[in-house]
């Protein structure tokens, strides 16, 4: 399935090509405009739109917040909008991309379609912003948030190719779009936080939202996410086994199709397998840790007086 958006302008292609050549990001020039657009929109949303709109529509609450809390408020505005957008885009790609549906083992590991690249690009733009905002606000968001942002950006960037000269082909685009669906629970997490700041702690609205939060987090991250992690472990280990037993001459990897047009000989370096699986494992561990924190926090809202609030785990 081709990228439904227009190709990048010549100026953006000329600017991204040196970066792509330097970092061996083979498909980045095809989606550089989408990465740049995504980062720019979220950067402006955080610095301009979120503060102004929040001050206009939540003037009493927003104006009374300390500076640190305002930063968190603005960040959550951005992450809520991004989650709704990227999950809608990822779900559409999973449903509509017939080439993705028909991928075999080799294609799931090295295959590429324009729609997958587009989804990865918009996600990468957000995670670049997320790394920046997490690094500059570690005291507010915590080191877990920064680790999550870096791991997510690393996994997303590998969809364009590898930032190492000895591996110059897309990697795991098939699974990248599946892991994007982690963000389904993010709007409910942020709403839960906003209810606290708007003095609605312990109310029916927060209760309904809390149930939705736990259900979507459990479904998207612990069930769907863990299943996809098992599948990507299975595929990567299968490829490593093929490399060890058949080497470069395996007929499994010599077949070519449209989705494999950016692949050369398909040998999976151990460092790449360990890096990808390590990052994925870190995200999975964080998901289970945050699920425990989330259950504890949500239930405390309805066991304690409204004025005794517990800090909600970051997502």
C-alpha atoms as a PDB file:
ATOM      1  CA  UNK A   1       0.000   0.000   0.000  1.00  0.00           C
ATOM      2  CA  UNK A   2       1.474   3.330  -1.050  1.00  0.00           C
ATOM      3  CA  UNK A   3       1.775   6.365   1.187  1.00  0.00           C
ATOM      4  CA  UNK A   4      -1.485   8.280   0.580  1.00  0.00           C
ATOM      5  CA  UNK A   5       0.210  11.624   1.221  1.00  0.00           C
ATOM      6  CA  UNK A   6       2.138  13.524  -1.484  1.00  0.00           C
ATOM      7  CA  UNK A   7       5.843  12.896  -1.863  1.00  0.00           C
ATOM      8  CA  UNK A   8       8.141  15.261   0.073  1.00  0.00           C
ATOM      9  CA  UNK A   9       9.092  18.607  -1.479  1.00  0.00           C
ATOM     10  CA  UNK A  10      12.495  18.685  -3.147  1.00  0.00           C
ATOM     11  CA  UNK A  11      13.868  21.010  -0.456  1.00  0.00           C
ATOM     12  CA  UNK A  12      12.977  18.631   2.378  1.00  0.00           C
ATOM     13  CA  UNK A  13      14.328  15.647   0.441  1.00  0.00           C
ATOM     14  CA  UNK A  14      17.616  17.466  -0.121  1.00  0.00           C
ATOM     15  CA  UNK A  15      17.850  18.288   3.589  1.00  0.00           C
ATOM     16  CA  UNK A  16      17.012  14.795   4.824  1.00  0.00           C
ATOM     17  CA  UNK A  17      19.117  12.882   2.298  1.00  0.00           C
ATOM     18  CA  UNK A  18      22.483  13.693   3.981  1.00  0.00           C
ATOM     19  CA  UNK A  19      21.047  12.585   7.334  1.00  0.00           C
ATOM     20  CA  UNK A  20      19.700   9.425   5.732  1.00  0.00           C
ATOM     21  CA  UNK A  21      23.069   8.712   4.116  1.00  0.00           C
ATOM     22  CA  UNK A  22      24.989   9.393   7.335  1.00  0.00           C
ATOM     23  CA  UNK A  23      22.777   7.177   9.503  1.00  0.00           C
ATOM     24  CA  UNK A  24      21.902   4.621   6.806  1.00  0.00           C
ATOM     25  CA  UNK A  25      18.181   5.423   7.079  1.00  0.00           C
ATOM     26  CA  UNK A  26      17.320   4.245   3.590  1.00  0.00           C
ATOM     27  CA  UNK A  27      13.596   5.089   3.505  1.00  0.00           C
ATOM     28  CA  UNK A  28      13.762   8.307   5.555  1.00  0.00           C
ATOM     29  CA  UNK A  29      13.881  10.622   2.484  1.00  0.00           C
ATOM     30  CA  UNK A  30      10.479   9.243   1.445  1.00  0.00           C
ATOM     31  CA  UNK A  31       8.959  10.259   4.793  1.00  0.00           C
ATOM     32  CA  UNK A  32      11.154  13.083   6.061  1.00  0.00           C
ATOM     33  CA  UNK A  33       8.397  15.644   5.511  1.00  0.00           C
ATOM     34  CA  UNK A  34       6.044  13.599   7.686  1.00  0.00           C
ATOM     35  CA  UNK A  35       8.591  13.343  10.511  1.00  0.00           C
ATOM     36  CA  UNK A  36       9.227  17.084  10.302  1.00  0.00           C
ATOM     37  CA  UNK A  37       5.511  17.918  10.141  1.00  0.00           C
ATOM     38  CA  UNK A  38       4.761  15.716  13.136  1.00  0.00           C
ATOM     39  CA  UNK A  39       7.556  17.156  15.284  1.00  0.00           C
ATOM     40  CA  UNK A  40       6.682  20.740  14.331  1.00  0.00           C
ATOM     41  CA  UNK A  41       2.983  20.337  15.102  1.00  0.00           C
ATOM     42  CA  UNK A  42       3.639  18.822  18.537  1.00  0.00           C
ATOM     43  CA  UNK A  43       6.343  21.371  19.327  1.00  0.00           C
ATOM     44  CA  UNK A  44       4.009  24.275  18.524  1.00  0.00           C
ATOM     45  CA  UNK A  45       1.117  22.588  20.277  1.00  0.00           C
ATOM     46  CA  UNK A  46       3.141  22.261  23.475  1.00  0.00           C
ATOM     47  CA  UNK A  47       4.655  25.753  23.376  1.00  0.00           C
ATOM     48  CA  UNK A  48       1.766  27.807  21.974  1.00  0.00           C
ATOM     49  CA  UNK A  49      -1.591  26.124  21.473  1.00  0.00           C
ATOM     50  CA  UNK A  50      -1.907  24.106  24.688  1.00  0.00           C
ATOM     51  CA  UNK A  51      -1.098  27.025  27.033  1.00  0.00           C
ATOM     52  CA  UNK A  52      -3.353  29.488  25.190  1.00  0.00           C
ATOM     53  CA  UNK A  53      -6.335  27.176  24.770  1.00  0.00           C
ATOM     54  CA  UNK A  54      -6.029  25.895  28.329  1.00  0.00           C
ATOM     55  CA  UNK A  55      -5.918  29.444  29.689  1.00  0.00           C
ATOM     56  CA  UNK A  56      -9.011  30.289  27.631  1.00  0.00           C
ATOM     57  CA  UNK A  57     -11.208  27.268  28.353  1.00  0.00           C
ATOM     58  CA  UNK A  58      -9.898  26.330  31.820  1.00  0.00           C
ATOM     59  CA  UNK A  59      -8.899  29.790  32.967  1.00  0.00           C
ATOM     60  CA  UNK A  60      -9.572  29.363  36.687  1.00  0.00           C
ATOM     61  CA  UNK A  61      -7.908  25.973  36.998  1.00  0.00           C
ATOM     62  CA  UNK A  62      -4.989  26.557  34.647  1.00  0.00           C
ATOM     63  CA  UNK A  63      -4.064  29.971  36.042  1.00  0.00           C
ATOM     64  CA  UNK A  64      -3.910  28.567  39.570  1.00  0.00           C
ATOM     65  CA  UNK A  65      -1.482  25.778  38.704  1.00  0.00           C
ATOM     66  CA  UNK A  66       2.211  26.048  39.653  1.00  0.00           C
ATOM     67  CA  UNK A  67       4.666  26.248  36.736  1.00  0.00           C
ATOM     68  CA  UNK A  68       5.717  22.581  37.031  1.00  0.00           C
ATOM     69  CA  UNK A  69       2.116  21.401  36.855  1.00  0.00           C
ATOM     70  CA  UNK A  70       1.421  23.653  33.857  1.00  0.00           C
ATOM     71  CA  UNK A  71       4.261  21.943  32.007  1.00  0.00           C
ATOM     72  CA  UNK A  72       2.723  18.558  32.772  1.00  0.00           C
ATOM     73  CA  UNK A  73      -0.717  19.840  31.743  1.00  0.00           C
ATOM     74  CA  UNK A  74       0.579  21.028  28.355  1.00  0.00           C
ATOM     75  CA  UNK A  75       2.473  17.793  27.741  1.00  0.00           C
ATOM     76  CA  UNK A  76      -0.674  15.780  28.391  1.00  0.00           C
ATOM     77  CA  UNK A  77      -2.654  17.903  25.940  1.00  0.00           C
ATOM     78  CA  UNK A  78      -0.108  16.999  23.272  1.00  0.00           C
ATOM     79  CA  UNK A  79       0.046  13.303  24.156  1.00  0.00           C
ATOM     80  CA  UNK A  80      -3.754  13.022  24.171  1.00  0.00           C
ATOM     81  CA  UNK A  81      -4.122  14.492  20.701  1.00  0.00           C
ATOM     82  CA  UNK A  82      -1.197  12.465  19.389  1.00  0.00           C
ATOM     83  CA  UNK A  83      -2.599   9.225  20.815  1.00  0.00           C
ATOM     84  CA  UNK A  84      -5.987   9.737  19.168  1.00  0.00           C
ATOM     85  CA  UNK A  85      -4.375  10.591  15.832  1.00  0.00           C
ATOM     86  CA  UNK A  86      -1.681   7.902  15.708  1.00  0.00           C
ATOM     87  CA  UNK A  87      -3.954   5.111  16.938  1.00  0.00           C
ATOM     88  CA  UNK A  88      -6.529   5.999  14.301  1.00  0.00           C
ATOM     89  CA  UNK A  89      -3.818   6.034  11.647  1.00  0.00           C
ATOM     90  CA  UNK A  90      -2.294   2.749  12.838  1.00  0.00           C
ATOM     91  CA  UNK A  91      -5.663   1.012  13.018  1.00  0.00           C
ATOM     92  CA  UNK A  92      -6.481   2.175   9.488  1.00  0.00           C
ATOM     93  CA  UNK A  93      -3.110   0.876   8.264  1.00  0.00           C
ATOM     94  CA  UNK A  94      -3.585  -2.522   9.912  1.00  0.00           C
ATOM     95  CA  UNK A  95      -7.056  -2.865   8.386  1.00  0.00           C
ATOM     96  CA  UNK A  96      -6.467  -1.357   4.933  1.00  0.00           C
ATOM     97  CA  UNK A  97      -2.898  -2.384   4.036  1.00  0.00           C
ATOM     98  CA  UNK A  98      -3.358  -5.653   2.150  1.00  0.00           C
ATOM     99  CA  UNK A  99       0.386  -6.016   1.547  1.00  0.00           C
ATOM    100  CA  UNK A 100       0.951  -6.022   5.302  1.00  0.00           C
ATOM    101  CA  UNK A 101      -1.747  -8.643   5.833  1.00  0.00           C
ATOM    102  CA  UNK A 102      -0.045 -11.009   3.389  1.00  0.00           C
ATOM    103  CA  UNK A 103       3.538 -10.655   4.655  1.00  0.00           C
ATOM    104  CA  UNK A 104       5.531 -13.827   5.280  1.00  0.00           C
ATOM    105  CA  UNK A 105       8.310 -14.244   7.836  1.00  0.00           C
ATOM    106  CA  UNK A 106      11.005 -12.446   5.838  1.00  0.00           C
ATOM    107  CA  UNK A 107       8.633  -9.632   4.905  1.00  0.00           C
ATOM    108  CA  UNK A 108       7.509  -9.140   8.500  1.00  0.00           C
ATOM    109  CA  UNK A 109      11.158  -8.620   9.458  1.00  0.00           C
ATOM    110  CA  UNK A 110      12.429  -6.608   6.441  1.00  0.00           C
ATOM    111  CA  UNK A 111       9.338  -5.606   4.483  1.00  0.00           C
ATOM    112  CA  UNK A 112       8.203  -2.061   3.767  1.00  0.00           C
ATOM    113  CA  UNK A 113       5.057  -0.398   2.480  1.00  0.00           C
ATOM    114  CA  UNK A 114       4.367   3.303   2.045  1.00  0.00           C
ATOM    115  CA  UNK A 115       1.519   3.210   4.566  1.00  0.00           C
ATOM    116  CA  UNK A 116       3.712   1.549   7.197  1.00  0.00           C
ATOM    117  CA  UNK A 117       6.449   4.105   6.548  1.00  0.00           C
ATOM    118  CA  UNK A 118       3.975   6.976   6.895  1.00  0.00           C
ATOM    119  CA  UNK A 119       2.688   5.686  10.245  1.00  0.00           C
ATOM    120  CA  UNK A 120       6.242   5.155  11.491  1.00  0.00           C
ATOM    121  CA  UNK A 121       7.162   8.684  10.363  1.00  0.00           C
ATOM    122  CA  UNK A 122       4.356  10.402  12.254  1.00  0.00           C
ATOM    123  CA  UNK A 123       5.166   8.312  15.325  1.00  0.00           C
ATOM    124  CA  UNK A 124       8.891   9.123  15.021  1.00  0.00           C
ATOM    125  CA  UNK A 125       8.184  12.861  14.862  1.00  0.00           C
ATOM    126  CA  UNK A 126       6.242  12.613  18.098  1.00  0.00           C
ATOM    127  CA  UNK A 127       8.889  10.530  19.842  1.00  0.00           C
ATOM    128  CA  UNK A 128      11.615  13.003  18.848  1.00  0.00           C
ATOM    129  CA  UNK A 129       9.553  15.666  20.589  1.00  0.00           C
ATOM    130  CA  UNK A 130       8.911  13.250  23.477  1.00  0.00           C
ATOM    131  CA  UNK A 131      12.639  12.605  23.988  1.00  0.00           C
ATOM    132  CA  UNK A 132      13.287  16.347  23.984  1.00  0.00           C
ATOM    133  CA  UNK A 133      10.516  17.162  26.446  1.00  0.00           C
ATOM    134  CA  UNK A 134      11.329  14.190  28.711  1.00  0.00           C
ATOM    135  CA  UNK A 135      15.035  15.030  28.813  1.00  0.00           C
ATOM    136  CA  UNK A 136      14.411  18.672  29.704  1.00  0.00           C
ATOM    137  CA  UNK A 137      11.791  17.814  32.336  1.00  0.00           C
ATOM    138  CA  UNK A 138      13.173  14.701  34.034  1.00  0.00           C
ATOM    139  CA  UNK A 139      12.409  16.199  37.432  1.00  0.00           C
ATOM    140  CA  UNK A 140       8.722  16.389  36.518  1.00  0.00           C
ATOM    141  CA  UNK A 141       8.202  13.335  34.323  1.00  0.00           C
ATOM    142  CA  UNK A 142      10.783  10.982  35.814  1.00  0.00           C
ATOM    143  CA  UNK A 143      13.509   8.791  34.344  1.00  0.00           C
ATOM    144  CA  UNK A 144      10.978   6.135  33.358  1.00  0.00           C
ATOM    145  CA  UNK A 145       9.355   8.555  30.957  1.00  0.00           C
ATOM    146  CA  UNK A 146      12.712   9.345  29.347  1.00  0.00           C
ATOM    147  CA  UNK A 147      13.584   5.644  29.059  1.00  0.00           C
ATOM    148  CA  UNK A 148      10.210   5.005  27.429  1.00  0.00           C
ATOM    149  CA  UNK A 149      10.698   7.872  24.952  1.00  0.00           C
ATOM    150  CA  UNK A 150      14.217   6.794  23.958  1.00  0.00           C
ATOM    151  CA  UNK A 151      13.221   3.134  23.545  1.00  0.00           C
ATOM    152  CA  UNK A 152      10.151   4.041  21.500  1.00  0.00           C
ATOM    153  CA  UNK A 153      12.154   6.371  19.240  1.00  0.00           C
ATOM    154  CA  UNK A 154      14.837   3.720  18.723  1.00  0.00           C
ATOM    155  CA  UNK A 155      12.320   1.059  17.754  1.00  0.00           C
ATOM    156  CA  UNK A 156      10.436   3.475  15.485  1.00  0.00           C
ATOM    157  CA  UNK A 157      13.606   4.721  13.765  1.00  0.00           C
ATOM    158  CA  UNK A 158      14.681   1.173  12.896  1.00  0.00           C
ATOM    159  CA  UNK A 159      11.644   1.074  10.610  1.00  0.00           C
ATOM    160  CA  UNK A 160      13.487   3.399   8.230  1.00  0.00           C
ATOM    161  CA  UNK A 161      16.676   1.331   8.426  1.00  0.00           C
ATOM    162  CA  UNK A 162      19.548   1.117  10.858  1.00  0.00           C
ATOM    163  CA  UNK A 163      21.816   3.907  12.146  1.00  0.00           C
ATOM    164  CA  UNK A 164      24.829   1.675  11.428  1.00  0.00           C
ATOM    165  CA  UNK A 165      26.672   1.341   8.142  1.00  0.00           C
ATOM    166  CA  UNK A 166      26.652  -2.459   8.098  1.00  0.00           C
ATOM    167  CA  UNK A 167      22.866  -2.762   8.016  1.00  0.00           C
ATOM    168  CA  UNK A 168      21.028  -0.656   5.424  1.00  0.00           C
ATOM    169  CA  UNK A 169      17.486  -1.927   5.134  1.00  0.00           C
ATOM    170  CA  UNK A 170      14.161  -1.356   6.905  1.00  0.00           C
ATOM    171  CA  UNK A 171      13.526  -3.461   9.960  1.00  0.00           C
ATOM    172  CA  UNK A 172      10.299  -4.628  11.644  1.00  0.00           C
ATOM    173  CA  UNK A 173       7.921  -2.141  10.011  1.00  0.00           C
ATOM    174  CA  UNK A 174       5.233  -4.791  10.346  1.00  0.00           C
ATOM    175  CA  UNK A 175       5.478  -4.760  14.131  1.00  0.00           C
ATOM    176  CA  UNK A 176       6.148  -1.045  14.502  1.00  0.00           C
ATOM    177  CA  UNK A 177       2.617  -0.124  13.523  1.00  0.00           C
ATOM    178  CA  UNK A 178       1.227  -2.775  15.894  1.00  0.00           C
ATOM    179  CA  UNK A 179       3.148  -1.376  18.867  1.00  0.00           C
ATOM    180  CA  UNK A 180       1.839   2.122  18.098  1.00  0.00           C
ATOM    181  CA  UNK A 181      -1.548   0.890  19.313  1.00  0.00           C
ATOM    182  CA  UNK A 182      -0.134   0.927  22.863  1.00  0.00           C
ATOM    183  CA  UNK A 183      -1.312   4.530  22.973  1.00  0.00           C
ATOM    184  CA  UNK A 184      -5.027   3.632  23.041  1.00  0.00           C
ATOM    185  CA  UNK A 185      -5.026   3.996  26.825  1.00  0.00           C
ATOM    186  CA  UNK A 186      -3.251   7.378  26.861  1.00  0.00           C
ATOM    187  CA  UNK A 187      -6.320   9.667  26.558  1.00  0.00           C
ATOM    188  CA  UNK A 188      -7.974   7.938  29.522  1.00  0.00           C
ATOM    189  CA  UNK A 189      -4.776   8.218  31.580  1.00  0.00           C
ATOM    190  CA  UNK A 190      -4.592  11.934  30.889  1.00  0.00           C
ATOM    191  CA  UNK A 191      -8.288  12.472  31.607  1.00  0.00           C
ATOM    192  CA  UNK A 192      -7.793  10.789  34.979  1.00  0.00           C
ATOM    193  CA  UNK A 193      -5.028  13.276  35.759  1.00  0.00           C
ATOM    194  CA  UNK A 194      -7.127  16.236  34.551  1.00  0.00           C
ATOM    195  CA  UNK A 195     -10.034  15.209  36.789  1.00  0.00           C
ATOM    196  CA  UNK A 196      -7.717  15.597  39.785  1.00  0.00           C
ATOM    197  CA  UNK A 197      -6.567  19.043  38.716  1.00  0.00           C
ATOM    198  CA  UNK A 198     -10.152  20.184  38.091  1.00  0.00           C
ATOM    199  CA  UNK A 199     -11.287  19.117  41.581  1.00  0.00           C
ATOM    200  CA  UNK A 200     -13.330  16.196  40.278  1.00  0.00           C
ATOM    201  CA  UNK A 201     -11.478  13.512  42.219  1.00  0.00           C
ATOM    202  CA  UNK A 202     -13.616  10.566  43.282  1.00  0.00           C
ATOM    203  CA  UNK A 203     -16.630  11.540  41.180  1.00  0.00           C
ATOM    204  CA  UNK A 204     -18.669   9.380  38.815  1.00  0.00           C
ATOM    205  CA  UNK A 205     -16.888  10.787  35.764  1.00  0.00           C
ATOM    206  CA  UNK A 206     -13.508   9.777  37.146  1.00  0.00           C
ATOM    207  CA  UNK A 207     -14.841   6.365  38.118  1.00  0.00           C
ATOM    208  CA  UNK A 208     -16.133   5.657  34.597  1.00  0.00           C
ATOM    209  CA  UNK A 209     -12.921   6.981  33.099  1.00  0.00           C
ATOM    210  CA  UNK A 210     -10.859   4.896  35.551  1.00  0.00           C
ATOM    211  CA  UNK A 211     -12.634   1.727  34.457  1.00  0.00           C
ATOM    212  CA  UNK A 212     -12.025   2.646  30.804  1.00  0.00           C
ATOM    213  CA  UNK A 213      -8.382   3.421  31.612  1.00  0.00           C
ATOM    214  CA  UNK A 214      -7.722   0.061  33.255  1.00  0.00           C
ATOM    215  CA  UNK A 215      -9.608  -1.824  30.533  1.00  0.00           C
ATOM    216  CA  UNK A 216      -7.797  -0.127  27.618  1.00  0.00           C
ATOM    217  CA  UNK A 217      -4.406  -0.327  29.319  1.00  0.00           C
ATOM    218  CA  UNK A 218      -4.868  -4.013  30.050  1.00  0.00           C
ATOM    219  CA  UNK A 219      -6.147  -4.727  26.540  1.00  0.00           C
ATOM    220  CA  UNK A 220      -3.745  -2.615  24.474  1.00  0.00           C
ATOM    221  CA  UNK A 221      -0.521  -2.993  26.439  1.00  0.00           C
ATOM    222  CA  UNK A 222      -0.665  -6.125  28.540  1.00  0.00           C
ATOM    223  CA  UNK A 223      -2.674  -8.364  26.181  1.00  0.00           C
ATOM    224  CA  UNK A 224      -2.127  -6.963  22.669  1.00  0.00           C
ATOM    225  CA  UNK A 225       1.358  -5.629  23.443  1.00  0.00           C
ATOM    226  CA  UNK A 226       2.582  -8.806  25.107  1.00  0.00           C
ATOM    227  CA  UNK A 227       1.162 -10.917  22.258  1.00  0.00           C
ATOM    228  CA  UNK A 228       2.931  -8.765  19.662  1.00  0.00           C
ATOM    229  CA  UNK A 229       6.156  -8.984  21.684  1.00  0.00           C
ATOM    230  CA  UNK A 230       5.929 -12.778  21.674  1.00  0.00           C
ATOM    231  CA  UNK A 231       5.337 -12.722  17.905  1.00  0.00           C
ATOM    232  CA  UNK A 232       8.313 -10.452  17.210  1.00  0.00           C
ATOM    233  CA  UNK A 233      10.526 -12.619  19.452  1.00  0.00           C
ATOM    234  CA  UNK A 234       9.353 -15.660  17.477  1.00  0.00           C
ATOM    235  CA  UNK A 235      10.100 -14.082  14.092  1.00  0.00           C
ATOM    236  CA  UNK A 236      13.495 -12.672  15.047  1.00  0.00           C
ATOM    237  CA  UNK A 237      14.620 -15.937  16.616  1.00  0.00           C
ATOM    238  CA  UNK A 238      13.428 -17.802  13.507  1.00  0.00           C
ATOM    239  CA  UNK A 239      15.512 -15.505  11.299  1.00  0.00           C
ATOM    240  CA  UNK A 240      18.556 -15.923  13.536  1.00  0.00           C
ATOM    241  CA  UNK A 241      18.114 -19.688  13.316  1.00  0.00           C
ATOM    242  CA  UNK A 242      17.916 -19.487   9.506  1.00  0.00           C
ATOM    243  CA  UNK A 243      21.073 -17.345   9.460  1.00  0.00           C
ATOM    244  CA  UNK A 244      22.915 -19.907  11.577  1.00  0.00           C
ATOM    245  CA  UNK A 245      21.812 -22.957   9.596  1.00  0.00           C
ATOM    246  CA  UNK A 246      21.591 -21.675   6.013  1.00  0.00           C
ATOM    247  CA  UNK A 247      23.617 -18.476   5.883  1.00  0.00           C
ATOM    248  CA  UNK A 248      23.212 -16.098   2.953  1.00  0.00           C
ATOM    249  CA  UNK A 249      22.157 -18.811   0.523  1.00  0.00           C
ATOM    250  CA  UNK A 250      18.845 -19.647   2.148  1.00  0.00           C
ATOM    251  CA  UNK A 251      16.157 -19.722  -0.572  1.00  0.00           C
ATOM    252  CA  UNK A 252      13.731 -18.335   1.998  1.00  0.00           C
ATOM    253  CA  UNK A 253      15.421 -14.966   1.759  1.00  0.00           C
ATOM    254  CA  UNK A 254      16.143 -14.800  -1.986  1.00  0.00           C
ATOM    255  CA  UNK A 255      12.526 -14.221  -2.959  1.00  0.00           C
ATOM    256  CA  UNK A 256      11.695 -10.642  -3.913  1.00  0.00           C
ATOM    257  CA  UNK A 257       8.443  -8.724  -3.823  1.00  0.00           C
ATOM    258  CA  UNK A 258       7.357  -5.106  -3.821  1.00  0.00           C
ATOM    259  CA  UNK A 259       7.516  -4.926  -0.048  1.00  0.00           C
ATOM    260  CA  UNK A 260      11.134  -6.179  -0.122  1.00  0.00           C
ATOM    261  CA  UNK A 261      12.453  -3.626  -2.607  1.00  0.00           C
ATOM    262  CA  UNK A 262      14.651  -1.916  -0.016  1.00  0.00           C
ATOM    263  CA  UNK A 263      16.235  -5.142   1.241  1.00  0.00           C
ATOM    264  CA  UNK A 264      19.561  -6.629   0.194  1.00  0.00           C
ATOM    265  CA  UNK A 265      20.758  -9.998   1.498  1.00  0.00           C
ATOM    266  CA  UNK A 266      18.729 -10.704   4.602  1.00  0.00           C
ATOM    267  CA  UNK A 267      21.183 -11.499   7.368  1.00  0.00           C
ATOM    268  CA  UNK A 268      20.131 -10.248  10.784  1.00  0.00           C
ATOM    269  CA  UNK A 269      23.065  -8.969  12.882  1.00  0.00           C
ATOM    270  CA  UNK A 270      23.029 -10.124  16.485  1.00  0.00           C
ATOM    271  CA  UNK A 271      23.483  -6.578  17.779  1.00  0.00           C
ATOM    272  CA  UNK A 272      20.338  -5.464  15.953  1.00  0.00           C
ATOM    273  CA  UNK A 273      18.277  -8.376  17.246  1.00  0.00           C
ATOM    274  CA  UNK A 274      19.466  -7.760  20.819  1.00  0.00           C
ATOM    275  CA  UNK A 275      18.940  -3.985  20.569  1.00  0.00           C
ATOM    276  CA  UNK A 276      15.405  -4.296  19.228  1.00  0.00           C
ATOM    277  CA  UNK A 277      14.356  -7.057  21.594  1.00  0.00           C
ATOM    278  CA  UNK A 278      16.026  -5.313  24.528  1.00  0.00           C
ATOM    279  CA  UNK A 279      14.142  -2.086  23.855  1.00  0.00           C
ATOM    280  CA  UNK A 280      10.919  -4.002  23.387  1.00  0.00           C
ATOM    281  CA  UNK A 281      11.472  -5.899  26.626  1.00  0.00           C
ATOM    282  CA  UNK A 282      12.086  -2.637  28.492  1.00  0.00           C
ATOM    283  CA  UNK A 283       8.787  -1.243  27.207  1.00  0.00           C
ATOM    284  CA  UNK A 284       6.979  -4.430  28.234  1.00  0.00           C
ATOM    285  CA  UNK A 285       8.453  -4.319  31.742  1.00  0.00           C
ATOM    286  CA  UNK A 286       7.452  -0.657  32.056  1.00  0.00           C
ATOM    287  CA  UNK A 287       3.917  -1.541  30.954  1.00  0.00           C
ATOM    288  CA  UNK A 288       3.538  -4.127  33.710  1.00  0.00           C
ATOM    289  CA  UNK A 289       5.070  -1.774  36.278  1.00  0.00           C
ATOM    290  CA  UNK A 290       2.760   1.070  35.260  1.00  0.00           C
ATOM    291  CA  UNK A 291      -0.259  -1.243  35.319  1.00  0.00           C
ATOM    292  CA  UNK A 292       0.402  -2.032  38.983  1.00  0.00           C
ATOM    293  CA  UNK A 293       0.895   1.673  39.769  1.00  0.00           C
ATOM    294  CA  UNK A 294      -2.242   2.540  37.839  1.00  0.00           C
ATOM    295  CA  UNK A 295      -4.465   0.040  39.635  1.00  0.00           C
ATOM    296  CA  UNK A 296      -3.144   1.258  42.973  1.00  0.00           C
ATOM    297  CA  UNK A 297      -3.669   4.904  42.075  1.00  0.00           C
ATOM    298  CA  UNK A 298      -7.147   4.540  40.590  1.00  0.00           C
ATOM    299  CA  UNK A 299      -8.470   2.531  43.532  1.00  0.00           C
ATOM    300  CA  UNK A 300      -7.024   5.011  46.040  1.00  0.00           C
ATOM    301  CA  UNK A 301      -9.114   7.763  44.466  1.00  0.00           C
ATOM    302  CA  UNK A 302     -12.211   6.009  45.755  1.00  0.00           C
ATOM    303  CA  UNK A 303     -10.871   4.803  49.108  1.00  0.00           C
ATOM    304  CA  UNK A 304      -9.433   8.079  50.332  1.00  0.00           C
ATOM    305  CA  UNK A 305     -10.904  11.568  50.795  1.00  0.00           C
ATOM    306  CA  UNK A 306     -10.761  13.626  47.570  1.00  0.00           C
ATOM    307  CA  UNK A 307      -8.117  15.967  48.979  1.00  0.00           C
ATOM    308  CA  UNK A 308      -5.631  13.126  49.476  1.00  0.00           C
ATOM    309  CA  UNK A 309      -4.280  12.571  46.013  1.00  0.00           C
ATOM    310  CA  UNK A 310      -1.708  10.105  44.828  1.00  0.00           C
ATOM    311  CA  UNK A 311       0.624  10.835  41.961  1.00  0.00           C
ATOM    312  CA  UNK A 312      -0.436   8.913  38.838  1.00  0.00           C
ATOM    313  CA  UNK A 313       2.200   6.934  37.000  1.00  0.00           C
ATOM    314  CA  UNK A 314       3.383   8.473  33.752  1.00  0.00           C
ATOM    315  CA  UNK A 315       2.613   6.649  30.516  1.00  0.00           C
END
